[in-house]
Amino acid sequence: MIDTELLKASVGALQEDRVNAVIDGFLAGEKSGEEARLALTACQEGMYIVGERFENGTYFVGDLVFAGSLLAAAVEKLKPLLGFGGGACQAGTVVLGTVEGDIHFIGKNLFKTMLEAANFRVIDIGIDQPPRAFAEAAEKYRPEIIGLSGLLTTAVDSMRETVEALKEAGLRKSAKIFIGGSIVNEGICAYIGADDYSRNAYEAVRKCREWMGQR
């Protein structure tokens, strides 16, 4: 049984050796897909700690970059147990980015990694992207899903403006819009005009797979 609290705290403290020890110990023993998902959730919760420490000035940009690489390595180890991947065909195309006024990328990058593990083609347009950038990417790549990421409260209005830009460009009906980040909830999802939301990368990918299965 994996110690999820220790894993969460270790990720939050950027303790690479301890993170590796917890995950490697888990993989060396009896393991299951459910426990791997719990481990992934613990890693993501640890990233929320990293984000909070960045916000209050305890961590800096270099720490965020290190946290991103730490997370990517952990996800790579857990992938075989998560039930994603294993097929050559693309599950669909997703345009993904952090909305204007927000530079956070850890959650976005985790979602991207998990989508790619699930055989999605991901077009990551980056951070602090204005509504027109999402509209241009949607026009160019014709995705089935558009992912809007944000951590700051100001991102809510940016997400809403992005959805409006997609509507004005005649692209809203051709793609599902998914929002993610620690700020999102059901009420915000409705306010923005998105199709769904999640604060959990695994759940988000599962919903995307369900959408593609319904097409």
Protein backbone atom coordinates (compact mmCIF):
# COMPACT_ATOMS: atom_id res chain seq x y z
CA MET A 1 0.00 0.00 0.00
CA ILE A 2 1.48 3.31 -1.06
CA ASP A 3 1.84 6.11 1.51
CA THR A 4 -0.05 8.85 -0.32
CA GLU A 5 0.40 11.45 2.44
CA LEU A 6 4.17 10.95 2.40
CA LEU A 7 4.18 11.14 -1.40
CA LYS A 8 2.12 14.34 -1.38
CA ALA A 9 4.38 15.98 1.22
CA SER A 10 7.53 14.88 -0.60
CA VAL A 11 6.37 16.32 -3.91
CA GLY A 12 5.37 19.55 -2.16
CA ALA A 13 8.81 19.76 -0.55
CA LEU A 14 10.54 18.96 -3.88
CA GLN A 15 12.28 16.00 -2.27
CA GLU A 16 13.20 14.04 -5.40
CA ASP A 17 14.95 11.16 -3.61
CA ARG A 18 11.99 10.58 -1.30
CA VAL A 19 9.47 10.79 -4.15
CA ASN A 20 11.44 8.20 -6.10
CA ALA A 21 11.79 5.98 -3.04
CA VAL A 22 8.03 5.99 -2.37
CA ILE A 23 7.07 5.27 -5.97
CA ASP A 24 9.82 2.71 -6.58
CA GLY A 25 8.89 0.93 -3.35
CA PHE A 26 5.28 0.80 -4.45
CA LEU A 27 6.18 -0.56 -7.89
CA ALA A 28 8.45 -3.23 -6.39
CA GLY A 29 5.64 -4.75 -4.34
CA GLU A 30 2.05 -5.80 -4.94
CA LYS A 31 0.43 -3.03 -6.95
CA SER A 32 -2.82 -2.17 -8.67
CA GLY A 33 -4.22 0.39 -11.06
CA GLU A 34 -6.37 1.88 -8.30
CA GLU A 35 -3.35 2.47 -6.08
CA ALA A 36 -1.49 3.98 -9.04
CA ARG A 37 -4.35 6.44 -9.48
CA LEU A 38 -4.17 7.30 -5.78
CA ALA A 39 -0.44 7.88 -6.22
CA LEU A 40 -1.10 10.17 -9.18
CA THR A 41 -3.65 12.14 -7.16
CA ALA A 42 -1.15 12.48 -4.32
CA CYS A 43 1.44 13.83 -6.75
CA GLN A 44 -1.07 16.35 -8.07
CA GLU A 45 -1.99 17.45 -4.54
CA GLY A 46 1.70 17.87 -3.88
CA MET A 47 1.85 20.16 -6.91
CA TYR A 48 -0.88 22.30 -5.38
CA ILE A 49 1.47 22.78 -2.42
CA VAL A 50 4.21 23.80 -4.85
CA GLY A 51 1.84 26.31 -6.45
CA GLU A 52 0.87 27.79 -3.10
CA ARG A 53 4.52 28.18 -2.11
CA PHE A 54 5.23 29.88 -5.41
CA GLU A 55 2.34 32.26 -4.81
CA ASN A 56 3.57 33.25 -1.35
CA GLY A 57 7.16 33.70 -2.51
CA THR A 58 8.66 30.61 -0.88
CA TYR A 59 9.37 28.99 -4.25
CA PHE A 60 10.56 30.62 -7.46
CA VAL A 61 10.30 29.92 -11.19
CA GLY A 62 13.24 27.50 -11.07
CA ASP A 63 11.40 25.52 -8.41
CA LEU A 64 8.34 25.30 -10.66
CA VAL A 65 10.45 23.98 -13.51
CA PHE A 66 12.02 21.38 -11.23
CA ALA A 67 8.59 20.40 -9.91
CA GLY A 68 7.37 19.90 -13.46
CA SER A 69 10.22 17.52 -14.27
CA LEU A 70 9.70 15.70 -10.98
CA LEU A 71 6.04 15.21 -11.81
CA ALA A 72 6.73 14.07 -15.37
CA ALA A 73 9.16 11.42 -14.11
CA ALA A 74 6.64 10.15 -11.56
CA VAL A 75 3.85 9.93 -14.15
CA GLU A 76 6.15 8.06 -16.54
CA LYS A 77 6.73 5.40 -13.88
CA LEU A 78 3.03 5.08 -13.09
CA LYS A 79 1.78 5.05 -16.70
CA PRO A 80 1.76 1.25 -17.20
CA LEU A 81 -0.68 0.84 -14.31
CA LEU A 82 -3.05 3.67 -15.20
CA GLY A 83 -4.86 1.88 -18.00
CA PHE A 84 -3.99 4.42 -20.69
CA GLY A 85 -2.00 3.99 -23.87
CA GLY A 86 -1.21 0.78 -25.63
CA GLY A 87 -2.65 1.77 -28.98
CA ALA A 88 -1.18 3.29 -32.13
CA CYS A 89 -4.32 5.18 -33.14
CA GLN A 90 -4.90 8.72 -31.95
CA ALA A 91 -7.85 9.02 -29.61
CA GLY A 92 -8.49 12.57 -30.77
CA THR A 93 -6.97 16.05 -30.87
CA VAL A 94 -6.88 18.45 -27.93
CA VAL A 95 -5.85 22.10 -28.05
CA LEU A 96 -4.57 23.03 -24.62
CA GLY A 97 -3.28 26.20 -22.96
CA THR A 98 -3.24 28.43 -19.90
CA VAL A 99 -5.47 31.44 -20.41
CA GLU A 100 -4.47 35.10 -20.59
CA GLY A 101 -3.22 36.65 -17.37
CA ASP A 102 -2.04 33.35 -15.87
CA ILE A 103 1.43 31.82 -16.23
CA HIS A 104 0.90 28.57 -14.31
CA PHE A 105 1.80 25.46 -16.24
CA ILE A 106 2.17 22.53 -13.83
CA GLY A 107 -1.46 21.42 -13.99
CA LYS A 108 -1.56 21.98 -17.74
CA ASN A 109 1.57 19.93 -18.27
CA LEU A 110 0.26 17.10 -16.12
CA PHE A 111 -2.97 17.01 -18.12
CA LYS A 112 -0.94 17.03 -21.34
CA THR A 113 1.21 14.12 -20.17
CA MET A 114 -1.84 12.10 -19.19
CA LEU A 115 -3.62 12.86 -22.48
CA GLU A 116 -0.61 11.75 -24.50
CA ALA A 117 -0.45 8.58 -22.44
CA ALA A 118 -4.05 8.00 -23.47
CA ASN A 119 -3.10 8.34 -27.18
CA PHE A 120 -4.47 11.85 -27.68
CA ARG A 121 -2.71 14.30 -29.96
CA VAL A 122 -2.09 17.43 -27.87
CA ILE A 123 -1.46 20.90 -29.27
CA ASP A 124 -0.08 22.87 -26.33
CA ILE A 125 -0.18 26.60 -27.13
CA GLY A 126 1.51 27.58 -23.86
CA ILE A 127 0.76 29.99 -21.03
CA ASP A 128 -0.81 33.47 -20.82
CA GLN A 129 -2.64 32.93 -24.11
CA PRO A 130 -5.31 35.43 -25.26
CA PRO A 131 -8.70 34.27 -26.55
CA ARG A 132 -7.68 34.80 -30.18
CA ALA A 133 -4.79 32.32 -29.77
CA PHE A 134 -7.23 29.57 -28.79
CA ALA A 135 -9.53 30.52 -31.68
CA GLU A 136 -6.64 30.46 -34.16
CA ALA A 137 -5.42 27.08 -32.90
CA ALA A 138 -8.96 25.66 -33.05
CA GLU A 139 -9.33 26.93 -36.62
CA LYS A 140 -5.99 25.40 -37.64
CA TYR A 141 -6.11 22.03 -35.89
CA ARG A 142 -9.86 21.39 -35.65
CA PRO A 143 -9.69 19.67 -32.24
CA GLU A 144 -12.46 17.63 -30.71
CA ILE A 145 -11.60 19.09 -27.29
CA ILE A 146 -10.24 22.46 -26.13
CA GLY A 147 -8.68 22.60 -22.66
CA LEU A 148 -8.47 25.88 -20.75
CA SER A 149 -6.20 25.94 -17.70
CA GLY A 150 -5.91 28.54 -14.94
CA LEU A 151 -4.97 28.86 -11.31
CA LEU A 152 -5.57 32.55 -10.53
CA THR A 153 -9.07 33.91 -9.87
CA THR A 154 -8.55 36.38 -12.72
CA ALA A 155 -8.38 33.38 -15.06
CA VAL A 156 -12.13 32.88 -14.72
CA ASP A 157 -13.02 35.91 -16.84
CA SER A 158 -10.25 35.04 -19.30
CA MET A 159 -11.80 31.58 -19.72
CA ARG A 160 -15.23 33.13 -20.28
CA GLU A 161 -13.80 35.54 -22.88
CA THR A 162 -12.09 32.62 -24.61
CA VAL A 163 -15.35 30.71 -24.91
CA GLU A 164 -17.00 33.84 -26.32
CA ALA A 165 -14.19 34.20 -28.87
CA LEU A 166 -14.72 30.60 -29.97
CA LYS A 167 -18.43 31.26 -30.36
CA GLU A 168 -17.81 34.38 -32.44
CA ALA A 169 -15.44 32.42 -34.68
CA GLY A 170 -18.09 29.74 -35.20
CA LEU A 171 -15.93 27.11 -33.50
CA ARG A 172 -17.81 26.48 -30.28
CA LYS A 173 -20.12 23.77 -31.53
CA SER A 174 -17.37 21.69 -33.11
CA ALA A 175 -15.42 21.07 -29.89
CA LYS A 176 -16.03 20.26 -26.26
CA ILE A 177 -14.52 22.77 -23.85
CA PHE A 178 -12.88 21.48 -20.69
CA ILE A 179 -11.57 23.72 -17.90
CA GLY A 180 -9.08 22.78 -15.20
CA GLY A 181 -7.25 24.25 -12.23
CA SER A 182 -7.65 24.66 -8.50
CA ILE A 183 -10.18 27.50 -8.99
CA VAL A 184 -12.75 25.57 -11.00
CA ASN A 185 -16.06 24.20 -9.76
CA GLU A 186 -19.55 23.56 -11.10
CA GLY A 187 -20.66 27.17 -10.74
CA ILE A 188 -17.60 28.54 -12.51
CA CYS A 189 -18.01 25.96 -15.26
CA ALA A 190 -21.56 27.19 -15.88
CA TYR A 191 -20.49 30.87 -15.74
CA ILE A 192 -17.73 30.30 -18.30
CA GLY A 193 -19.95 28.24 -20.58
CA ALA A 194 -17.68 25.19 -20.61
CA ASP A 195 -18.87 21.62 -21.07
CA ASP A 196 -17.14 20.18 -18.01
CA TYR A 197 -14.37 20.71 -15.46
CA SER A 198 -12.01 18.87 -13.16
CA ARG A 199 -9.22 19.46 -10.66
CA ASN A 200 -7.97 15.91 -11.15
CA ALA A 201 -5.94 15.02 -14.27
CA TYR A 202 -6.91 11.34 -14.27
CA GLU A 203 -10.62 12.17 -14.04
CA ALA A 204 -10.21 14.81 -16.75
CA VAL A 205 -8.65 12.32 -19.18
CA ARG A 206 -11.34 9.75 -18.37
CA LYS A 207 -14.03 12.30 -19.30
CA CYS A 208 -12.24 13.17 -22.52
CA ARG A 209 -12.11 9.47 -23.45
CA GLU A 210 -15.83 9.16 -22.72
CA TRP A 211 -16.59 12.14 -24.98
CA MET A 212 -14.60 10.59 -27.82
CA GLY A 213 -16.41 7.30 -27.34
CA GLN A 214 -19.74 9.07 -27.75
CA ARG A 215 -18.79 10.74 -31.05
